[in-house]
Protein backbone atom coordinates (compact mmCIF):
# COMPACT_ATOMS: atom_id res chain seq x y z
CA MET A 1 -26.27 8.96 3.98
CA SER A 2 -24.29 9.41 0.77
CA ILE A 3 -20.69 10.08 -0.20
CA THR A 4 -19.08 12.28 -2.84
CA ILE A 5 -15.85 11.40 -4.65
CA ALA A 6 -13.71 14.23 -6.12
CA LEU A 7 -11.88 13.33 -9.33
CA SER A 8 -10.13 15.24 -12.09
CA LYS A 9 -10.49 14.61 -15.82
CA GLY A 10 -7.95 12.83 -17.96
CA ARG A 11 -5.41 10.23 -16.94
CA ILE A 12 -6.33 10.10 -13.24
CA PHE A 13 -10.03 9.58 -14.05
CA ASP A 14 -9.28 6.85 -16.61
CA GLU A 15 -6.90 4.99 -14.31
CA THR A 16 -9.33 5.27 -11.38
CA LEU A 17 -12.19 3.52 -13.23
CA PRO A 18 -10.91 -0.05 -12.55
CA LEU A 19 -10.46 0.81 -8.84
CA LEU A 20 -13.99 2.21 -8.63
CA ALA A 21 -15.28 -0.90 -10.41
CA ALA A 22 -13.56 -3.06 -7.80
CA ALA A 23 -15.55 -1.13 -5.18
CA GLY A 24 -18.75 -1.72 -7.19
CA ILE A 25 -18.97 1.90 -8.38
CA VAL A 26 -19.53 2.80 -12.04
CA PRO A 27 -19.85 6.49 -13.02
CA ALA A 28 -22.93 7.15 -15.18
CA GLU A 29 -20.94 9.29 -17.66
CA ASN A 30 -17.38 9.95 -18.78
CA PRO A 31 -16.47 13.59 -18.03
CA GLU A 32 -14.49 13.76 -21.27
CA HIS A 33 -17.77 13.46 -23.20
CA SER A 34 -20.09 15.26 -20.76
CA ARG A 35 -20.35 18.87 -19.65
CA LYS A 36 -21.70 17.83 -16.25
CA LEU A 37 -19.51 18.52 -13.23
CA ILE A 38 -21.60 16.35 -10.91
CA ILE A 39 -21.98 12.79 -12.15
CA GLY A 40 -24.14 10.05 -10.70
CA THR A 41 -23.08 6.42 -10.40
CA ASN A 42 -24.79 3.04 -10.39
CA ARG A 43 -25.09 3.46 -6.61
CA ALA A 44 -27.67 5.89 -5.26
CA ASP A 45 -25.43 6.66 -2.25
CA VAL A 46 -22.30 7.58 -4.29
CA GLY A 47 -21.74 10.61 -6.52
CA VAL A 48 -18.69 11.99 -8.33
CA VAL A 49 -17.68 15.66 -8.71
CA ILE A 50 -15.26 16.64 -11.49
CA VAL A 51 -12.82 19.36 -10.41
CA ARG A 52 -9.39 20.64 -11.42
CA ALA A 53 -6.62 18.32 -10.24
CA SER A 54 -5.14 21.06 -8.06
CA ASP A 55 -8.53 21.63 -6.37
CA VAL A 56 -9.19 18.01 -5.33
CA PRO A 57 -7.46 18.31 -1.89
CA THR A 58 -9.36 21.54 -1.12
CA TYR A 59 -12.76 19.95 -1.86
CA VAL A 60 -11.88 17.00 0.39
CA GLN A 61 -10.30 19.14 3.14
CA TYR A 62 -13.45 21.26 3.51
CA GLY A 63 -15.85 18.31 3.25
CA ALA A 64 -17.41 19.25 -0.11
CA ALA A 65 -16.18 15.78 -1.12
CA ASP A 66 -15.66 12.88 1.28
CA ILE A 67 -12.85 11.23 -0.65
CA GLY A 68 -10.75 12.12 -3.66
CA ILE A 69 -7.81 11.05 -5.75
CA ALA A 70 -4.88 13.43 -6.16
CA GLY A 71 -1.28 13.24 -7.31
CA LYS A 72 1.51 13.44 -4.75
CA ASP A 73 2.67 16.62 -6.56
CA VAL A 74 -0.67 18.33 -5.86
CA LEU A 75 -0.75 17.13 -2.23
CA ILE A 76 2.73 18.49 -1.48
CA GLU A 77 1.77 21.92 -2.85
CA HIS A 78 -1.53 21.85 -0.93
CA GLY A 79 0.15 20.87 2.33
CA GLY A 80 -2.26 18.02 3.11
CA ALA A 81 -4.00 19.78 6.03
CA GLY A 82 -7.03 17.89 7.35
CA LEU A 83 -6.53 14.99 4.96
CA TYR A 84 -6.11 11.32 5.72
CA GLN A 85 -4.00 9.63 3.00
CA PRO A 86 -4.47 5.89 3.49
CA LEU A 87 -3.32 4.58 0.10
CA ASP A 88 -0.81 5.16 -2.65
CA LEU A 89 -2.91 3.94 -5.59
CA ASN A 90 0.14 3.57 -7.83
CA ILE A 91 -1.67 5.17 -10.79
CA ALA A 92 -0.85 8.17 -13.01
CA ARG A 93 2.83 7.52 -12.33
CA CYS A 94 5.47 9.99 -13.46
CA ARG A 95 8.38 11.90 -11.90
CA MET A 96 9.15 15.41 -10.73
CA CYS A 97 12.32 16.59 -12.45
CA VAL A 98 14.61 19.50 -13.11
CA ALA A 99 15.04 19.98 -16.87
CA ALA A 100 17.33 22.39 -18.73
CA PRO A 101 18.17 23.19 -22.35
CA VAL A 102 20.52 20.79 -24.14
CA GLY A 103 23.98 22.36 -23.88
CA PHE A 104 23.34 24.16 -20.56
CA ASP A 105 25.86 22.78 -18.04
CA TYR A 106 23.52 22.55 -15.05
CA ALA A 107 25.95 20.60 -12.86
CA ALA A 108 28.70 23.18 -13.41
CA ALA A 109 26.32 26.08 -12.68
CA VAL A 110 25.25 24.43 -9.41
CA LYS A 111 28.86 23.67 -8.50
CA ARG A 112 30.04 27.24 -8.93
CA GLY A 113 27.13 28.53 -6.87
CA ALA A 114 25.36 30.39 -9.68
CA ARG A 115 21.95 31.84 -8.87
CA LEU A 116 19.52 30.01 -11.16
CA ARG A 117 16.15 31.14 -12.44
CA ILE A 118 13.71 28.25 -12.27
CA ALA A 119 10.24 28.28 -13.84
CA THR A 120 7.63 26.01 -12.23
CA LYS A 121 4.12 25.76 -10.89
CA TYR A 122 5.44 23.57 -8.05
CA LEU A 123 6.93 26.33 -5.91
CA LEU A 124 6.96 24.45 -2.61
CA THR A 125 8.55 21.32 -4.07
CA ALA A 126 11.16 23.33 -5.98
CA ARG A 127 11.98 25.56 -2.99
CA GLU A 128 12.51 22.55 -0.69
CA HIS A 129 14.58 20.67 -3.28
CA PHE A 130 16.99 23.51 -3.99
CA ALA A 131 17.20 24.59 -0.34
CA ALA A 132 18.21 21.05 0.65
CA LYS A 133 21.00 21.17 -1.96
CA GLY A 134 22.06 24.69 -0.94
CA VAL A 135 21.40 26.01 -4.46
CA HIS A 136 20.33 29.65 -4.78
CA VAL A 137 17.32 30.06 -7.04
CA ASP A 138 14.79 32.65 -8.13
CA LEU A 139 11.50 30.83 -8.62
CA ILE A 140 9.18 32.04 -11.39
CA LYS A 141 5.60 30.79 -11.08
CA LEU A 142 4.01 29.70 -14.35
CA TYR A 143 0.75 27.87 -14.94
CA GLY A 144 1.34 26.28 -18.34
CA SER A 145 3.92 25.34 -20.98
CA MET A 146 6.95 25.32 -18.66
CA GLU A 147 9.10 24.17 -21.59
CA LEU A 148 8.79 27.59 -23.22
CA ALA A 149 10.48 29.45 -20.34
CA PRO A 150 14.11 28.37 -21.02
CA LEU A 151 13.60 28.67 -24.80
CA VAL A 152 12.81 32.39 -24.58
CA GLY A 153 15.30 33.20 -21.82
CA LEU A 154 12.78 33.56 -19.00
CA ALA A 155 14.46 30.81 -16.95
CA ASP A 156 17.64 28.72 -16.86
CA ALA A 157 15.73 25.53 -16.06
CA ILE A 158 12.29 24.22 -15.10
CA VAL A 159 10.82 21.95 -12.43
CA ASP A 160 7.96 19.93 -13.86
CA LEU A 161 6.33 16.52 -14.13
CA VAL A 162 7.77 14.19 -16.75
CA SER A 163 6.30 10.89 -17.87
CA SER A 164 7.62 9.90 -21.31
CA GLY A 165 10.03 12.81 -21.74
CA ASN A 166 8.80 13.40 -25.31
CA THR A 167 7.68 16.99 -24.63
CA LEU A 168 11.12 17.82 -23.22
CA LYS A 169 12.83 16.27 -26.24
CA ALA A 170 10.58 18.13 -28.67
CA ASN A 171 11.59 21.42 -27.04
CA ASN A 172 15.32 20.66 -26.88
CA LEU A 173 15.33 20.16 -23.11
CA VAL A 174 16.89 17.38 -21.12
CA GLU A 175 16.26 15.98 -17.64
CA VAL A 176 19.18 16.99 -15.39
CA GLU A 177 17.90 15.85 -12.02
CA GLN A 178 15.09 13.72 -10.63
CA ILE A 179 13.43 15.17 -7.55
CA MET A 180 10.95 12.40 -6.71
CA PRO A 181 8.66 9.75 -8.18
CA ILE A 182 5.00 10.80 -8.31
CA SER A 183 1.81 8.75 -8.22
CA SER A 184 -1.80 9.36 -7.18
CA ARG A 185 -3.10 8.89 -3.64
CA LEU A 186 -6.49 8.23 -2.12
CA ILE A 187 -7.37 11.08 0.23
CA VAL A 188 -10.19 11.09 2.77
CA ASN A 189 -11.85 13.85 4.79
CA GLN A 190 -11.07 13.02 8.42
CA ALA A 191 -14.51 13.98 9.76
CA ALA A 192 -16.26 11.99 7.02
CA LEU A 193 -14.21 8.93 7.93
CA LYS A 194 -15.76 9.01 11.41
CA VAL A 195 -19.33 9.97 10.45
CA LYS A 196 -19.60 7.90 7.25
CA HIS A 197 -17.29 5.08 8.26
CA ASP A 198 -19.74 2.31 7.26
CA ILE A 199 -19.86 3.49 3.62
CA LEU A 200 -16.26 4.71 3.28
CA GLN A 201 -14.35 1.84 4.85
CA PRO A 202 -15.56 -0.84 2.36
CA ILE A 203 -14.57 1.46 -0.55
CA ILE A 204 -11.10 2.01 0.94
CA GLU A 205 -10.72 -1.76 1.48
CA ALA A 206 -11.85 -2.50 -2.10
CA PHE A 207 -9.27 -0.01 -3.45
CA LYS A 208 -6.60 -1.60 -1.26
CA SER A 209 -7.39 -5.09 -2.62
CA ALA A 210 -7.52 -3.82 -6.22
CA ILE A 211 -4.04 -2.26 -6.12
CA LYS A 212 -2.52 -5.47 -4.78
């Protein structure tokens, strides 16, 4: 019996390596330097699949991967159906924010009940945030370069992930509201947890010890 771990390239992969090492798992290749999407490890019973960050919960939900690591932002948008989320791994930390152009009085616009146009790829998160505040918004779904939307008049503000804030600054935007802190979670397929418990549980425990 073997298990498959779903990971995405970049920061999450890099910050997961020490946790995998704590569980005695070392990927055979770095996906940044390899074109392979299925990567072996030093353990014959453990493999890694490299997928888009937003697809990790889907692979785990349907059992194509037994466990995965996904940001809280991705899990909220996915809905988390069929997923067990035992651990906040405290990696790939950032925050979900509302950002607007320097000089745009966001607070005043909200106060007077203006209908705002918000560009984001996090529709669910944005909808819930503004609904809870009673702010009327038109949400515009974009897939990349959110910062461009207010600059060309497509939107009044954006909802996006911010870590250093340098990209906002470079595009003359400023954070006007923090929605929530974001970090990456360990997610597990619920059926796999029962069937492959003997392999999965030690990995979960090793991750738990490593983040302490």
